[in-house]
């Protein structure tokens, strides 16, 4: 499971530093993204294993849309 979190950390850093060219948002947003990905994997019947950077990054726009709709993945 550590590989899962490491793969998310790597992609998260790349999204903000290399692609968007901005600082990372606070940790709460990252926690929401992780929870969002866990829910998507669970819904698809997949285990929490390391994701490719492309897979993680492909979920980011969906996560932004989810947040823009006023939802929180964790329900908090």
PDB file of N, CA and C in Angstrom:
ATOM      1  N   UNK A   1       0.819  -1.192   0.000  1.00  0.00           N
ATOM      2  CA  UNK A   1       0.000   0.000   0.000  1.00  0.00           C
ATOM      3  C   UNK A   1       0.869   1.264   0.000  1.00  0.00           C
ATOM      4  N   UNK A   2       2.078   1.146   0.507  1.00  0.00           N
ATOM      5  CA  UNK A   2       2.983   2.303   0.508  1.00  0.00           C
ATOM      6  C   UNK A   2       3.260   2.760  -0.921  1.00  0.00           C
ATOM      7  N   UNK A   3       3.315   1.805  -1.854  1.00  0.00           N
ATOM      8  CA  UNK A   3       3.533   2.151  -3.261  1.00  0.00           C
ATOM      9  C   UNK A   3       2.384   2.998  -3.810  1.00  0.00           C
ATOM     10  N   UNK A   4       1.176   2.713  -3.343  1.00  0.00           N
ATOM     11  CA  UNK A   4       0.007   3.492  -3.762  1.00  0.00           C
ATOM     12  C   UNK A   4       0.198   4.958  -3.384  1.00  0.00           C
ATOM     13  N   UNK A   5       0.525   5.199  -2.122  1.00  0.00           N
ATOM     14  CA  UNK A   5       0.694   6.578  -1.649  1.00  0.00           C
ATOM     15  C   UNK A   5       1.885   7.268  -2.314  1.00  0.00           C
ATOM     16  N   UNK A   6       2.947   6.541  -2.526  1.00  0.00           N
ATOM     17  CA  UNK A   6       4.120   7.111  -3.189  1.00  0.00           C
ATOM     18  C   UNK A   6       3.790   7.514  -4.625  1.00  0.00           C
ATOM     19  N   UNK A   7       3.027   6.679  -5.314  1.00  0.00           N
ATOM     20  CA  UNK A   7       2.663   7.008  -6.694  1.00  0.00           C
ATOM     21  C   UNK A   7       1.771   8.249  -6.742  1.00  0.00           C
ATOM     22  N   UNK A   8       0.896   8.401  -5.761  1.00  0.00           N
ATOM     23  CA  UNK A   8       0.040   9.592  -5.696  1.00  0.00           C
ATOM     24  C   UNK A   8       0.895  10.822  -5.406  1.00  0.00           C
ATOM     25  N   UNK A   9       1.806  10.710  -4.434  1.00  0.00           N
ATOM     26  CA  UNK A   9       2.693  11.835  -4.087  1.00  0.00           C
ATOM     27  C   UNK A   9       3.482  12.313  -5.295  1.00  0.00           C
ATOM     28  N   UNK A  10       4.037  11.377  -6.038  1.00  0.00           N
ATOM     29  CA  UNK A  10       4.838  11.732  -7.212  1.00  0.00           C
ATOM     30  C   UNK A  10       4.000  12.470  -8.259  1.00  0.00           C
ATOM     31  N   UNK A  11       2.836  11.931  -8.556  1.00  0.00           N
ATOM     32  CA  UNK A  11       1.978  12.554  -9.566  1.00  0.00           C
ATOM     33  C   UNK A  11       1.464  13.909  -9.083  1.00  0.00           C
ATOM     34  N   UNK A  12       1.102  14.001  -7.808  1.00  0.00           N
ATOM     35  CA  UNK A  12       0.601  15.252  -7.223  1.00  0.00           C
ATOM     36  C   UNK A  12       1.650  16.358  -7.359  1.00  0.00           C
ATOM     37  N   UNK A  13       2.878  16.023  -7.014  1.00  0.00           N
ATOM     38  CA  UNK A  13       3.967  17.000  -7.122  1.00  0.00           C
ATOM     39  C   UNK A  13       4.174  17.429  -8.568  1.00  0.00           C
ATOM     40  N   UNK A  14       4.145  16.470  -9.463  1.00  0.00           N
ATOM     41  CA  UNK A  14       4.350  16.780 -10.886  1.00  0.00           C
ATOM     42  C   UNK A  14       3.224  17.653 -11.428  1.00  0.00           C
ATOM     43  N   UNK A  15       1.995  17.355 -11.060  1.00  0.00           N
ATOM     44  CA  UNK A  15       0.853  18.139 -11.547  1.00  0.00           C
ATOM     45  C   UNK A  15       1.052  19.617 -11.230  1.00  0.00           C
ATOM     46  N   UNK A  16       1.414  19.907  -9.986  1.00  0.00           N
ATOM     47  CA  UNK A  16       1.507  21.310  -9.579  1.00  0.00           C
ATOM     48  C   UNK A  16       2.823  21.968  -9.976  1.00  0.00           C
ATOM     49  N   UNK A  17       3.931  21.280  -9.815  1.00  0.00           N
ATOM     50  CA  UNK A  17       5.232  21.897 -10.099  1.00  0.00           C
ATOM     51  C   UNK A  17       5.546  21.951 -11.587  1.00  0.00           C
ATOM     52  N   UNK A  18       5.354  20.852 -12.270  1.00  0.00           N
ATOM     53  CA  UNK A  18       5.802  20.758 -13.658  1.00  0.00           C
ATOM     54  C   UNK A  18       4.722  21.137 -14.679  1.00  0.00           C
ATOM     55  N   UNK A  19       3.487  20.825 -14.380  1.00  0.00           N
ATOM     56  CA  UNK A  19       2.428  21.058 -15.360  1.00  0.00           C
ATOM     57  C   UNK A  19       1.736  22.401 -15.133  1.00  0.00           C
ATOM     58  N   UNK A  20       1.283  22.635 -13.903  1.00  0.00           N
ATOM     59  CA  UNK A  20       0.584  23.884 -13.615  1.00  0.00           C
ATOM     60  C   UNK A  20       1.528  25.027 -13.272  1.00  0.00           C
ATOM     61  N   UNK A  21       2.722  24.698 -12.816  1.00  0.00           N
ATOM     62  CA  UNK A  21       3.701  25.723 -12.470  1.00  0.00           C
ATOM     63  C   UNK A  21       3.287  26.575 -11.290  1.00  0.00           C
ATOM     64  N   UNK A  22       2.682  25.956 -10.311  1.00  0.00           N
ATOM     65  CA  UNK A  22       2.207  26.679  -9.139  1.00  0.00           C
ATOM     66  C   UNK A  22       2.497  25.872  -7.879  1.00  0.00           C
ATOM     67  N   UNK A  23       2.345  26.510  -6.749  1.00  0.00           N
ATOM     68  CA  UNK A  23       2.558  25.796  -5.487  1.00  0.00           C
ATOM     69  C   UNK A  23       1.420  24.804  -5.267  1.00  0.00           C
ATOM     70  N   UNK A  24       1.687  23.828  -4.438  1.00  0.00           N
ATOM     71  CA  UNK A  24       0.670  22.837  -4.111  1.00  0.00           C
ATOM     72  C   UNK A  24      -0.329  23.438  -3.128  1.00  0.00           C
ATOM     73  N   UNK A  25      -1.607  23.070  -3.248  1.00  0.00           N
ATOM     74  CA  UNK A  25      -2.589  23.539  -2.269  1.00  0.00           C
ATOM     75  C   UNK A  25      -2.336  22.877  -0.917  1.00  0.00           C
ATOM     76  N   UNK A  26      -3.119  23.254   0.072  1.00  0.00           N
ATOM     77  CA  UNK A  26      -2.901  22.692   1.406  1.00  0.00           C
ATOM     78  C   UNK A  26      -3.146  21.183   1.423  1.00  0.00           C
ATOM     79  N   UNK A  27      -2.674  20.556   2.474  1.00  0.00           N
ATOM     80  CA  UNK A  27      -2.725  19.093   2.586  1.00  0.00           C
ATOM     81  C   UNK A  27      -4.142  18.539   2.552  1.00  0.00           C
ATOM     82  N   UNK A  28      -5.128  19.318   2.976  1.00  0.00           N
ATOM     83  CA  UNK A  28      -6.519  18.854   2.974  1.00  0.00           C
ATOM     84  C   UNK A  28      -6.971  18.519   1.546  1.00  0.00           C
ATOM     85  N   UNK A  29      -6.550  19.313   0.587  1.00  0.00           N
ATOM     86  CA  UNK A  29      -6.930  19.067  -0.811  1.00  0.00           C
ATOM     87  C   UNK A  29      -6.288  17.771  -1.304  1.00  0.00           C
ATOM     88  N   UNK A  30      -5.041  17.564  -0.948  1.00  0.00           N
ATOM     89  CA  UNK A  30      -4.363  16.325  -1.342  1.00  0.00           C
ATOM     90  C   UNK A  30      -5.039  15.115  -0.698  1.00  0.00           C
ATOM     91  N   UNK A  31      -5.418  15.247   0.574  1.00  0.00           N
ATOM     92  CA  UNK A  31      -6.127  14.153   1.252  1.00  0.00           C
ATOM     93  C   UNK A  31      -7.438  13.845   0.545  1.00  0.00           C
ATOM     94  N   UNK A  32      -8.145  14.884   0.100  1.00  0.00           N
ATOM     95  CA  UNK A  32      -9.390  14.686  -0.648  1.00  0.00           C
ATOM     96  C   UNK A  32      -9.122  13.956  -1.968  1.00  0.00           C
ATOM     97  N   UNK A  33      -8.033  14.316  -2.632  1.00  0.00           N
ATOM     98  CA  UNK A  33      -7.676  13.666  -3.895  1.00  0.00           C
ATOM     99  C   UNK A  33      -7.390  12.183  -3.667  1.00  0.00           C
ATOM    100  N   UNK A  34      -6.654  11.877  -2.620  1.00  0.00           N
ATOM    101  CA  UNK A  34      -6.353  10.477  -2.302  1.00  0.00           C
ATOM    102  C   UNK A  34      -7.638   9.712  -2.012  1.00  0.00           C
ATOM    103  N   UNK A  35      -8.516  10.307  -1.207  1.00  0.00           N
ATOM    104  CA  UNK A  35      -9.791   9.660  -0.892  1.00  0.00           C
ATOM    105  C   UNK A  35     -10.607   9.457  -2.172  1.00  0.00           C
ATOM    106  N   UNK A  36     -10.612  10.456  -3.038  1.00  0.00           N
ATOM    107  CA  UNK A  36     -11.324  10.386  -4.312  1.00  0.00           C
ATOM    108  C   UNK A  36     -10.820   9.212  -5.151  1.00  0.00           C
ATOM    109  N   UNK A  37      -9.507   9.083  -5.243  1.00  0.00           N
ATOM    110  CA  UNK A  37      -8.925   7.983  -6.016  1.00  0.00           C
ATOM    111  C   UNK A  37      -9.271   6.639  -5.386  1.00  0.00           C
ATOM    112  N   UNK A  38      -9.185   6.546  -4.073  1.00  0.00           N
ATOM    113  CA  UNK A  38      -9.546   5.296  -3.394  1.00  0.00           C
ATOM    114  C   UNK A  38     -10.980   4.899  -3.716  1.00  0.00           C
ATOM    115  N   UNK A  39     -11.884   5.875  -3.692  1.00  0.00           N
ATOM    116  CA  UNK A  39     -13.284   5.596  -4.003  1.00  0.00           C
ATOM    117  C   UNK A  39     -13.446   5.120  -5.444  1.00  0.00           C
ATOM    118  N   UNK A  40     -12.754   5.756  -6.364  1.00  0.00           N
ATOM    119  CA  UNK A  40     -12.839   5.355  -7.772  1.00  0.00           C
ATOM    120  C   UNK A  40     -12.308   3.937  -7.968  1.00  0.00           C
ATOM    121  N   UNK A  41     -11.204   3.616  -7.319  1.00  0.00           N
ATOM    122  CA  UNK A  41     -10.648   2.263  -7.428  1.00  0.00           C
ATOM    123  C   UNK A  41     -11.593   1.240  -6.812  1.00  0.00           C
ATOM    124  N   UNK A  42     -12.157   1.585  -5.674  1.00  0.00           N
ATOM    125  CA  UNK A  42     -13.098   0.683  -5.010  1.00  0.00           C
ATOM    126  C   UNK A  42     -14.328   0.444  -5.888  1.00  0.00           C
ATOM    127  N   UNK A  43     -14.860   1.517  -6.469  1.00  0.00           N
ATOM    128  CA  UNK A  43     -16.026   1.393  -7.350  1.00  0.00           C
ATOM    129  C   UNK A  43     -15.736   0.495  -8.549  1.00  0.00           C
ATOM    130  N   UNK A  44     -14.477   0.497  -8.994  1.00  0.00           N
ATOM    131  CA  UNK A  44     -14.078  -0.318 -10.145  1.00  0.00           C
ATOM    132  C   UNK A  44     -13.630  -1.720  -9.732  1.00  0.00           C
ATOM    133  N   UNK A  45     -13.683  -2.007  -8.422  1.00  0.00           N
ATOM    134  CA  UNK A  45     -13.270  -3.318  -7.932  1.00  0.00           C
ATOM    135  C   UNK A  45     -11.774  -3.538  -7.966  1.00  0.00           C
ATOM    136  N   UNK A  46     -11.018  -2.445  -7.920  1.00  0.00           N
ATOM    137  CA  UNK A  46      -9.556  -2.544  -7.992  1.00  0.00           C
ATOM    138  C   UNK A  46      -8.934  -2.390  -6.608  1.00  0.00           C
ATOM    139  N   UNK A  47      -7.744  -2.962  -6.460  1.00  0.00           N
ATOM    140  CA  UNK A  47      -7.006  -2.868  -5.200  1.00  0.00           C
ATOM    141  C   UNK A  47      -6.163  -1.601  -5.172  1.00  0.00           C
ATOM    142  N   UNK A  48      -5.738  -1.228  -3.957  1.00  0.00           N
ATOM    143  CA  UNK A  48      -4.871  -0.062  -3.793  1.00  0.00           C
ATOM    144  C   UNK A  48      -3.431  -0.459  -4.067  1.00  0.00           C
ATOM    145  N   UNK A  49      -3.069  -0.398  -5.313  1.00  0.00           N
ATOM    146  CA  UNK A  49      -1.688  -0.663  -5.717  1.00  0.00           C
ATOM    147  C   UNK A  49      -1.156   0.604  -6.373  1.00  0.00           C
ATOM    148  N   UNK A  50       0.129   0.630  -6.593  1.00  0.00           N
ATOM    149  CA  UNK A  50       0.732   1.802  -7.229  1.00  0.00           C
ATOM    150  C   UNK A  50       0.060   2.061  -8.574  1.00  0.00           C
ATOM    151  N   UNK A  51      -0.287   3.309  -8.801  1.00  0.00           N
ATOM    152  CA  UNK A  51      -0.878   3.702 -10.073  1.00  0.00           C
ATOM    153  C   UNK A  51       0.197   4.322 -10.948  1.00  0.00           C
ATOM    154  N   UNK A  52       0.034   4.186 -12.228  1.00  0.00           N
ATOM    155  CA  UNK A  52       0.960   4.888 -13.114  1.00  0.00           C
ATOM    156  C   UNK A  52       0.692   6.383 -12.985  1.00  0.00           C
ATOM    157  N   UNK A  53       1.698   7.167 -13.299  1.00  0.00           N
ATOM    158  CA  UNK A  53       1.525   8.618 -13.237  1.00  0.00           C
ATOM    159  C   UNK A  53       0.410   9.060 -14.182  1.00  0.00           C
ATOM    160  N   UNK A  54       0.338   8.446 -15.351  1.00  0.00           N
ATOM    161  CA  UNK A  54      -0.715   8.786 -16.314  1.00  0.00           C
ATOM    162  C   UNK A  54      -2.105   8.502 -15.753  1.00  0.00           C
ATOM    163  N   UNK A  55      -2.261   7.360 -15.079  1.00  0.00           N
ATOM    164  CA  UNK A  55      -3.557   7.021 -14.488  1.00  0.00           C
ATOM    165  C   UNK A  55      -3.949   8.028 -13.416  1.00  0.00           C
ATOM    166  N   UNK A  56      -2.993   8.365 -12.561  1.00  0.00           N
ATOM    167  CA  UNK A  56      -3.271   9.324 -11.492  1.00  0.00           C
ATOM    168  C   UNK A  56      -3.614  10.686 -12.079  1.00  0.00           C
ATOM    169  N   UNK A  57      -2.826  11.118 -13.042  1.00  0.00           N
ATOM    170  CA  UNK A  57      -3.052  12.433 -13.638  1.00  0.00           C
ATOM    171  C   UNK A  57      -4.357  12.487 -14.427  1.00  0.00           C
ATOM    172  N   UNK A  58      -4.788  11.368 -14.975  1.00  0.00           N
ATOM    173  CA  UNK A  58      -6.042  11.359 -15.726  1.00  0.00           C
ATOM    174  C   UNK A  58      -7.250  11.525 -14.806  1.00  0.00           C
ATOM    175  N   UNK A  59      -7.095  11.206 -13.532  1.00  0.00           N
ATOM    176  CA  UNK A  59      -8.184  11.387 -12.570  1.00  0.00           C
ATOM    177  C   UNK A  59      -8.259  12.816 -12.035  1.00  0.00           C
ATOM    178  N   UNK A  60      -7.203  13.598 -12.214  1.00  0.00           N
ATOM    179  CA  UNK A  60      -7.173  14.945 -11.654  1.00  0.00           C
ATOM    180  C   UNK A  60      -8.274  15.855 -12.215  1.00  0.00           C
ATOM    181  N   UNK A  61      -8.501  15.901 -13.539  1.00  0.00           N
ATOM    182  CA  UNK A  61      -9.599  16.742 -14.043  1.00  0.00           C
ATOM    183  C   UNK A  61     -10.964  16.314 -13.494  1.00  0.00           C
ATOM    184  N   UNK A  62     -11.169  15.011 -13.361  1.00  0.00           N
ATOM    185  CA  UNK A  62     -12.427  14.513 -12.795  1.00  0.00           C
ATOM    186  C   UNK A  62     -12.565  14.965 -11.342  1.00  0.00           C
ATOM    187  N   UNK A  63     -11.463  14.951 -10.604  1.00  0.00           N
ATOM    188  CA  UNK A  63     -11.453  15.421  -9.221  1.00  0.00           C
ATOM    189  C   UNK A  63     -11.808  16.910  -9.159  1.00  0.00           C
ATOM    190  N   UNK A  64     -11.251  17.709 -10.049  1.00  0.00           N
ATOM    191  CA  UNK A  64     -11.569  19.143 -10.070  1.00  0.00           C
ATOM    192  C   UNK A  64     -13.046  19.378 -10.367  1.00  0.00           C
ATOM    193  N   UNK A  65     -13.594  18.628 -11.304  1.00  0.00           N
ATOM    194  CA  UNK A  65     -15.021  18.739 -11.608  1.00  0.00           C
ATOM    195  C   UNK A  65     -15.861  18.365 -10.394  1.00  0.00           C
ATOM    196  N   UNK A  66     -15.441  17.333  -9.701  1.00  0.00           N
ATOM    197  CA  UNK A  66     -16.133  16.877  -8.499  1.00  0.00           C
ATOM    198  C   UNK A  66     -16.148  17.986  -7.449  1.00  0.00           C
ATOM    199  N   UNK A  67     -14.993  18.620  -7.232  1.00  0.00           N
ATOM    200  CA  UNK A  67     -14.916  19.718  -6.271  1.00  0.00           C
ATOM    201  C   UNK A  67     -15.725  20.925  -6.738  1.00  0.00           C
ATOM    202  N   UNK A  68     -15.694  21.194  -8.035  1.00  0.00           N
ATOM    203  CA  UNK A  68     -16.432  22.335  -8.581  1.00  0.00           C
ATOM    204  C   UNK A  68     -17.935  22.162  -8.406  1.00  0.00           C
ATOM    205  N   UNK A  69     -18.377  20.915  -8.340  1.00  0.00           N
ATOM    206  CA  UNK A  69     -19.791  20.633  -8.100  1.00  0.00           C
ATOM    207  C   UNK A  69     -20.152  20.787  -6.627  1.00  0.00           C
ATOM    208  N   UNK A  70     -19.160  21.180  -5.808  1.00  0.00           N
ATOM    209  CA  UNK A  70     -19.413  21.425  -4.391  1.00  0.00           C
ATOM    210  C   UNK A  70     -19.418  20.183  -3.537  1.00  0.00           C
ATOM    211  N   UNK A  71     -18.789  19.139  -4.012  1.00  0.00           N
ATOM    212  CA  UNK A  71     -18.760  17.885  -3.268  1.00  0.00           C
ATOM    213  C   UNK A  71     -17.395  17.689  -2.649  1.00  0.00           C
ATOM    214  N   UNK A  72     -17.368  16.872  -1.632  1.00  0.00           N
ATOM    215  CA  UNK A  72     -16.101  16.454  -1.039  1.00  0.00           C
ATOM    216  C   UNK A  72     -16.091  14.944  -1.041  1.00  0.00           C
ATOM    217  N   UNK A  73     -15.023  14.377  -1.522  1.00  0.00           N
ATOM    218  CA  UNK A  73     -14.925  12.924  -1.626  1.00  0.00           C
ATOM    219  C   UNK A  73     -15.076  12.254  -0.274  1.00  0.00           C
ATOM    220  N   UNK A  74     -14.522  12.879   0.762  1.00  0.00           N
ATOM    221  CA  UNK A  74     -14.560  12.266   2.092  1.00  0.00           C
ATOM    222  C   UNK A  74     -15.873  12.525   2.809  1.00  0.00           C
ATOM    223  N   UNK A  75     -16.695  13.414   2.268  1.00  0.00           N
ATOM    224  CA  UNK A  75     -17.964  13.718   2.910  1.00  0.00           C
ATOM    225  C   UNK A  75     -17.835  14.617   4.121  1.00  0.00           C
ATOM    226  N   UNK A  76     -16.637  15.154   4.366  1.00  0.00           N
ATOM    227  CA  UNK A  76     -16.454  16.024   5.538  1.00  0.00           C
ATOM    228  C   UNK A  76     -16.645  17.475   5.178  1.00  0.00           C
TER     229      UNK A  76
END
